[in-house]
């Protein structure tokens, strides 16, 4: 974090306190604290469910759990973006078709009435 002001935040995970450097802003500090709380929650749940005594193994399992959730969220966003792009493409195609229909109707009316922009009398 060179060139940026940082602040030290202390967080607790499984009863251990860890100093973490983060950007010197309230939002950055809040994210670090929320991240630590999420990690702590997952680690406690895994430790209780597996009776695992090694905090390193519990941390790895919790990290994998959170990473799997993150990847699923990213994949969902990609699908949403693809759906959005398909919708935009459909709207563009329909708009183009509507414009073509309007132009065809104008040409038809012009040929029926014999009226054109250039033949207007002032």
N, C-alpha and C. Protein backbone atom coordinates (compact mmCIF):
# COMPACT_ATOMS: atom_id res chain seq x y z
N UNK A 1 0.83 -1.19 0.00
CA UNK A 1 0.00 0.00 0.00
C UNK A 1 0.87 1.24 0.00
N UNK A 2 1.86 1.20 -0.85
CA UNK A 2 2.79 2.31 -0.94
C UNK A 2 2.09 3.57 -1.40
N UNK A 3 2.42 4.69 -0.79
CA UNK A 3 1.86 5.96 -1.19
C UNK A 3 0.50 6.25 -0.57
N UNK A 4 -0.08 5.30 0.08
CA UNK A 4 -1.39 5.51 0.71
C UNK A 4 -1.23 5.47 2.22
N UNK A 5 -2.07 6.22 2.88
CA UNK A 5 -2.05 6.17 4.33
C UNK A 5 -2.72 4.87 4.78
N UNK A 6 -2.12 4.24 5.75
CA UNK A 6 -2.67 2.99 6.27
C UNK A 6 -2.94 3.12 7.75
N UNK A 7 -3.68 2.17 8.23
CA UNK A 7 -3.99 2.13 9.65
C UNK A 7 -3.93 0.68 10.09
N UNK A 8 -3.59 0.47 11.32
CA UNK A 8 -3.53 -0.88 11.89
C UNK A 8 -4.85 -1.17 12.58
N UNK A 9 -5.43 -2.30 12.23
CA UNK A 9 -6.69 -2.73 12.81
C UNK A 9 -6.45 -4.09 13.45
N UNK A 10 -6.93 -4.27 14.66
CA UNK A 10 -6.80 -5.57 15.31
C UNK A 10 -8.11 -6.31 15.20
N UNK A 11 -8.01 -7.57 14.75
CA UNK A 11 -9.18 -8.42 14.61
C UNK A 11 -8.94 -9.70 15.39
N UNK A 12 -10.03 -10.36 15.74
CA UNK A 12 -9.94 -11.59 16.50
C UNK A 12 -10.56 -12.73 15.70
N UNK A 13 -9.79 -13.82 15.58
CA UNK A 13 -10.27 -15.02 14.91
C UNK A 13 -9.94 -16.21 15.80
N UNK A 14 -10.96 -16.96 16.17
CA UNK A 14 -10.82 -18.11 17.08
C UNK A 14 -10.05 -17.75 18.35
N UNK A 15 -10.37 -16.60 18.88
CA UNK A 15 -9.78 -16.18 20.15
C UNK A 15 -8.38 -15.60 20.04
N UNK A 16 -7.80 -15.59 18.87
CA UNK A 16 -6.47 -15.01 18.67
C UNK A 16 -6.63 -13.63 18.05
N UNK A 17 -5.81 -12.69 18.48
CA UNK A 17 -5.85 -11.33 17.95
C UNK A 17 -4.76 -11.18 16.90
N UNK A 18 -5.15 -10.58 15.78
CA UNK A 18 -4.23 -10.38 14.67
C UNK A 18 -4.23 -8.91 14.25
N UNK A 19 -3.04 -8.31 14.11
CA UNK A 19 -2.98 -6.95 13.57
C UNK A 19 -3.05 -7.00 12.05
N UNK A 20 -3.84 -6.13 11.46
CA UNK A 20 -3.99 -6.10 10.00
C UNK A 20 -3.82 -4.66 9.55
N UNK A 21 -3.00 -4.44 8.53
CA UNK A 21 -2.85 -3.11 7.96
C UNK A 21 -3.88 -2.95 6.84
N UNK A 22 -4.54 -1.80 6.84
CA UNK A 22 -5.53 -1.51 5.82
C UNK A 22 -5.46 -0.03 5.48
N UNK A 23 -6.18 0.36 4.45
CA UNK A 23 -6.25 1.77 4.10
C UNK A 23 -6.84 2.53 5.28
N UNK A 24 -6.42 3.78 5.43
CA UNK A 24 -6.88 4.61 6.55
C UNK A 24 -8.23 5.22 6.22
N UNK A 25 -9.25 4.38 6.14
CA UNK A 25 -10.61 4.87 5.93
C UNK A 25 -11.56 4.00 6.74
N UNK A 26 -12.68 4.58 7.08
CA UNK A 26 -13.66 3.83 7.87
C UNK A 26 -14.21 2.65 7.08
N UNK A 27 -14.42 2.83 5.78
CA UNK A 27 -14.98 1.75 4.97
C UNK A 27 -13.98 0.59 4.86
N UNK A 28 -12.69 0.89 4.72
CA UNK A 28 -11.68 -0.17 4.63
C UNK A 28 -11.59 -0.91 5.96
N UNK A 29 -11.62 -0.17 7.04
CA UNK A 29 -11.57 -0.80 8.37
C UNK A 29 -12.81 -1.68 8.59
N UNK A 30 -13.96 -1.19 8.18
CA UNK A 30 -15.21 -1.97 8.33
C UNK A 30 -15.13 -3.27 7.53
N UNK A 31 -14.58 -3.19 6.30
CA UNK A 31 -14.46 -4.41 5.48
C UNK A 31 -13.53 -5.42 6.13
N UNK A 32 -12.43 -4.96 6.70
CA UNK A 32 -11.50 -5.87 7.37
C UNK A 32 -12.19 -6.52 8.56
N UNK A 33 -12.90 -5.74 9.34
CA UNK A 33 -13.59 -6.30 10.51
C UNK A 33 -14.69 -7.28 10.09
N UNK A 34 -15.44 -6.95 9.04
CA UNK A 34 -16.48 -7.85 8.55
C UNK A 34 -15.87 -9.13 7.99
N UNK A 35 -14.74 -9.01 7.30
CA UNK A 35 -14.06 -10.18 6.76
C UNK A 35 -13.58 -11.10 7.89
N UNK A 36 -13.01 -10.50 8.91
CA UNK A 36 -12.54 -11.29 10.05
C UNK A 36 -13.71 -11.96 10.76
N UNK A 37 -14.83 -11.27 10.88
CA UNK A 37 -16.00 -11.84 11.53
C UNK A 37 -16.54 -13.03 10.71
N UNK A 38 -16.57 -12.88 9.38
CA UNK A 38 -17.01 -13.97 8.52
C UNK A 38 -16.08 -15.17 8.65
N UNK A 39 -14.77 -14.91 8.59
CA UNK A 39 -13.80 -15.98 8.73
C UNK A 39 -13.94 -16.68 10.08
N UNK A 40 -14.08 -15.90 11.12
CA UNK A 40 -14.25 -16.46 12.46
C UNK A 40 -15.50 -17.33 12.54
N UNK A 41 -16.59 -16.84 11.98
CA UNK A 41 -17.85 -17.59 11.99
C UNK A 41 -17.68 -18.93 11.28
N UNK A 42 -17.07 -18.91 10.11
CA UNK A 42 -16.88 -20.16 9.34
C UNK A 42 -15.94 -21.11 10.07
N UNK A 43 -14.87 -20.56 10.63
CA UNK A 43 -13.91 -21.42 11.33
C UNK A 43 -14.54 -22.05 12.56
N UNK A 44 -15.32 -21.30 13.30
CA UNK A 44 -15.99 -21.86 14.47
C UNK A 44 -16.96 -22.97 14.06
N UNK A 45 -17.71 -22.75 12.99
CA UNK A 45 -18.67 -23.75 12.52
C UNK A 45 -17.95 -25.02 12.08
N UNK A 46 -16.86 -24.86 11.34
CA UNK A 46 -16.11 -26.02 10.86
C UNK A 46 -15.46 -26.75 12.03
N UNK A 47 -14.88 -26.01 12.96
CA UNK A 47 -14.24 -26.63 14.13
C UNK A 47 -15.27 -27.41 14.94
N UNK A 48 -16.46 -26.85 15.10
CA UNK A 48 -17.50 -27.54 15.88
C UNK A 48 -18.03 -28.77 15.14
N UNK A 49 -18.18 -28.67 13.83
CA UNK A 49 -18.74 -29.77 13.05
C UNK A 49 -17.76 -30.92 12.86
N UNK A 50 -16.48 -30.62 12.79
CA UNK A 50 -15.49 -31.66 12.49
C UNK A 50 -14.69 -32.07 13.70
N UNK A 51 -14.81 -31.35 14.77
CA UNK A 51 -14.00 -31.59 15.98
C UNK A 51 -12.51 -31.52 15.66
N UNK A 52 -12.19 -30.76 14.62
CA UNK A 52 -10.81 -30.58 14.18
C UNK A 52 -10.09 -29.70 15.20
N UNK A 53 -8.91 -30.13 15.62
CA UNK A 53 -8.16 -29.39 16.62
C UNK A 53 -7.14 -28.45 16.00
N UNK A 54 -6.69 -28.72 14.80
CA UNK A 54 -5.67 -27.91 14.16
C UNK A 54 -6.32 -26.65 13.59
N UNK A 55 -5.93 -25.49 14.14
CA UNK A 55 -6.51 -24.24 13.64
C UNK A 55 -6.07 -23.98 12.19
N UNK A 56 -4.90 -24.47 11.79
CA UNK A 56 -4.45 -24.31 10.42
C UNK A 56 -5.39 -25.07 9.47
N UNK A 57 -5.72 -26.30 9.79
CA UNK A 57 -6.63 -27.08 8.94
C UNK A 57 -8.01 -26.45 8.90
N UNK A 58 -8.47 -25.97 10.03
CA UNK A 58 -9.77 -25.30 10.08
C UNK A 58 -9.74 -24.04 9.21
N UNK A 59 -8.63 -23.29 9.28
CA UNK A 59 -8.50 -22.06 8.48
C UNK A 59 -8.50 -22.39 6.99
N UNK A 60 -7.79 -23.44 6.60
CA UNK A 60 -7.76 -23.83 5.19
C UNK A 60 -9.14 -24.24 4.73
N UNK A 61 -9.84 -25.02 5.53
CA UNK A 61 -11.19 -25.46 5.16
C UNK A 61 -12.14 -24.27 5.06
N UNK A 62 -12.03 -23.33 5.98
CA UNK A 62 -12.87 -22.13 5.94
C UNK A 62 -12.52 -21.28 4.72
N UNK A 63 -11.24 -21.16 4.42
CA UNK A 63 -10.81 -20.41 3.24
C UNK A 63 -11.35 -21.03 1.96
N UNK A 64 -11.31 -22.35 1.87
CA UNK A 64 -11.86 -23.04 0.70
C UNK A 64 -13.37 -22.83 0.60
N UNK A 65 -14.04 -22.86 1.72
CA UNK A 65 -15.49 -22.65 1.75
C UNK A 65 -15.84 -21.25 1.25
N UNK A 66 -15.13 -20.26 1.74
CA UNK A 66 -15.38 -18.86 1.34
C UNK A 66 -15.00 -18.66 -0.12
N UNK A 67 -13.88 -19.26 -0.56
CA UNK A 67 -13.46 -19.12 -1.96
C UNK A 67 -14.47 -19.76 -2.91
N UNK A 68 -15.02 -20.91 -2.52
CA UNK A 68 -16.04 -21.58 -3.33
C UNK A 68 -17.27 -20.69 -3.46
N UNK A 69 -17.67 -20.08 -2.37
CA UNK A 69 -18.81 -19.16 -2.39
C UNK A 69 -18.54 -17.95 -3.29
N UNK A 70 -17.33 -17.40 -3.20
CA UNK A 70 -16.95 -16.26 -4.03
C UNK A 70 -16.98 -16.62 -5.52
N UNK A 71 -16.43 -17.78 -5.86
CA UNK A 71 -16.41 -18.20 -7.26
C UNK A 71 -17.83 -18.43 -7.79
N UNK A 72 -18.70 -18.99 -6.96
CA UNK A 72 -20.09 -19.19 -7.37
C UNK A 72 -20.77 -17.85 -7.61
N UNK A 73 -20.49 -16.88 -6.77
CA UNK A 73 -21.05 -15.53 -6.94
C UNK A 73 -20.54 -14.90 -8.23
N UNK A 74 -19.25 -15.03 -8.50
CA UNK A 74 -18.69 -14.47 -9.73
C UNK A 74 -19.31 -15.13 -10.96
N UNK A 75 -19.47 -16.45 -10.90
CA UNK A 75 -20.07 -17.17 -12.02
C UNK A 75 -21.51 -16.70 -12.23
N UNK A 76 -22.23 -16.48 -11.15
CA UNK A 76 -23.60 -15.97 -11.26
C UNK A 76 -23.63 -14.61 -11.91
N UNK A 77 -22.67 -13.76 -11.59
CA UNK A 77 -22.61 -12.43 -12.21
C UNK A 77 -22.35 -12.53 -13.70
N UNK A 78 -21.47 -13.47 -14.08
CA UNK A 78 -21.19 -13.65 -15.51
C UNK A 78 -22.44 -14.06 -16.26
N UNK A 79 -23.23 -14.95 -15.64
CA UNK A 79 -24.48 -15.35 -16.28
C UNK A 79 -25.44 -14.17 -16.37
N UNK A 80 -25.50 -13.37 -15.31
CA UNK A 80 -26.36 -12.18 -15.33
C UNK A 80 -25.92 -11.22 -16.43
N UNK A 81 -24.61 -11.02 -16.56
CA UNK A 81 -24.09 -10.12 -17.59
C UNK A 81 -24.41 -10.66 -18.98
N UNK A 82 -24.30 -11.97 -19.16
CA UNK A 82 -24.63 -12.57 -20.46
C UNK A 82 -26.11 -12.40 -20.76
N UNK A 83 -26.95 -12.60 -19.73
CA UNK A 83 -28.39 -12.39 -19.91
C UNK A 83 -28.69 -10.95 -20.27
N UNK A 84 -28.01 -10.01 -19.60
CA UNK A 84 -28.21 -8.59 -19.89
C UNK A 84 -27.80 -8.28 -21.33
N UNK A 85 -26.69 -8.83 -21.78
CA UNK A 85 -26.22 -8.58 -23.14
C UNK A 85 -27.20 -9.16 -24.15
N UNK A 86 -27.73 -10.34 -23.88
CA UNK A 86 -28.72 -10.95 -24.78
C UNK A 86 -29.98 -10.07 -24.85
N UNK A 87 -30.39 -9.53 -23.72
CA UNK A 87 -31.56 -8.66 -23.69
C UNK A 87 -31.30 -7.39 -24.51
N UNK A 88 -30.12 -6.77 -24.31
CA UNK A 88 -29.78 -5.56 -25.07
C UNK A 88 -29.75 -5.85 -26.57
N UNK A 89 -29.20 -7.00 -26.95
CA UNK A 89 -29.15 -7.37 -28.36
C UNK A 89 -30.57 -7.54 -28.91
N UNK A 90 -31.44 -8.17 -28.15
CA UNK A 90 -32.83 -8.35 -28.57
C UNK A 90 -33.53 -7.01 -28.74
N UNK A 91 -33.31 -6.09 -27.80
CA UNK A 91 -33.92 -4.76 -27.90
C UNK A 91 -33.41 -4.03 -29.13
N UNK A 92 -32.09 -4.12 -29.38
CA UNK A 92 -31.53 -3.48 -30.58
C UNK A 92 -32.15 -4.05 -31.85
N UNK A 93 -32.28 -5.37 -31.91
CA UNK A 93 -32.86 -6.01 -33.10
C UNK A 93 -34.33 -5.60 -33.29
N UNK A 94 -35.07 -5.58 -32.21
CA UNK A 94 -36.47 -5.19 -32.30
C UNK A 94 -36.62 -3.72 -32.68
N UNK A 95 -35.75 -2.89 -32.13
CA UNK A 95 -35.79 -1.46 -32.47
C UNK A 95 -35.47 -1.26 -33.94
N UNK A 96 -34.48 -1.98 -34.43
CA UNK A 96 -34.11 -1.89 -35.84
C UNK A 96 -35.28 -2.35 -36.72
N UNK A 97 -35.92 -3.44 -36.33
CA UNK A 97 -37.06 -3.94 -37.11
C UNK A 97 -38.21 -2.93 -37.08
N UNK A 98 -38.47 -2.32 -35.94
CA UNK A 98 -39.52 -1.32 -35.83
C UNK A 98 -39.21 -0.12 -36.73
N UNK A 99 -37.97 0.32 -36.74
CA UNK A 99 -37.55 1.42 -37.60
C UNK A 99 -37.76 1.06 -39.07
N UNK A 100 -37.41 -0.16 -39.44
CA UNK A 100 -37.61 -0.62 -40.82
C UNK A 100 -39.10 -0.59 -41.19
N UNK A 101 -39.95 -1.05 -40.27
CA UNK A 101 -41.39 -1.04 -40.54
C UNK A 101 -41.93 0.37 -40.72
N UNK A 102 -41.46 1.30 -39.87
CA UNK A 102 -41.89 2.69 -39.98
C UNK A 102 -41.43 3.26 -41.31
N UNK A 103 -40.19 2.99 -41.70
CA UNK A 103 -39.68 3.49 -42.97
C UNK A 103 -40.47 2.90 -44.15
N UNK A 104 -40.78 1.61 -44.09
CA UNK A 104 -41.57 0.98 -45.14
C UNK A 104 -42.95 1.64 -45.26
N UNK A 105 -43.55 1.90 -44.10
CA UNK A 105 -44.88 2.53 -44.09
C UNK A 105 -44.79 3.94 -44.69
N UNK A 106 -43.75 4.66 -44.34
CA UNK A 106 -43.58 6.01 -44.90
C UNK A 106 -43.39 5.97 -46.41
N UNK A 107 -42.60 5.04 -46.89
CA UNK A 107 -42.39 4.90 -48.33
C UNK A 107 -43.71 4.55 -49.01
N UNK A 108 -44.47 3.64 -48.42
CA UNK A 108 -45.76 3.24 -48.99
C UNK A 108 -46.72 4.42 -49.04
N UNK A 109 -46.79 5.18 -47.97
CA UNK A 109 -47.70 6.33 -47.94
C UNK A 109 -47.27 7.39 -48.94
N UNK A 110 -45.96 7.57 -49.06
CA UNK A 110 -45.45 8.55 -50.01
C UNK A 110 -45.81 8.15 -51.43
N UNK A 111 -45.69 6.87 -51.75
CA UNK A 111 -46.00 6.44 -53.12
C UNK A 111 -47.50 6.50 -53.39
N UNK A 112 -48.33 6.30 -52.38
CA UNK A 112 -49.79 6.36 -52.55
C UNK A 112 -50.25 7.80 -52.73
N UNK A 113 -49.71 8.72 -51.94
CA UNK A 113 -50.16 10.12 -51.98
C UNK A 113 -49.37 10.94 -52.97
N UNK A 114 -48.24 10.43 -53.43
CA UNK A 114 -47.41 11.20 -54.33
C UNK A 114 -46.70 12.34 -53.63
N UNK A 115 -46.69 12.31 -52.32
CA UNK A 115 -46.09 13.38 -51.53
C UNK A 115 -44.68 12.98 -51.15
N UNK A 116 -43.77 13.92 -51.31
CA UNK A 116 -42.42 13.72 -50.82
C UNK A 116 -41.93 15.03 -50.25
N UNK A 117 -40.92 14.97 -49.44
CA UNK A 117 -40.41 16.17 -48.78
C UNK A 117 -39.99 17.23 -49.81
N UNK A 118 -39.36 16.81 -50.87
CA UNK A 118 -38.86 17.75 -51.87
C UNK A 118 -39.94 18.39 -52.71
N UNK A 119 -41.16 17.79 -52.70
CA UNK A 119 -42.21 18.34 -53.56
C UNK A 119 -43.16 19.26 -52.82
N UNK A 120 -42.84 19.61 -51.58
CA UNK A 120 -43.69 20.52 -50.83
C UNK A 120 -43.66 21.90 -51.48
N UNK A 121 -44.84 22.52 -51.59
CA UNK A 121 -44.88 23.89 -52.10
C UNK A 121 -44.89 24.83 -50.93
N UNK A 122 -44.15 25.91 -51.05
CA UNK A 122 -44.06 26.86 -49.96
C UNK A 122 -45.11 27.89 -50.04
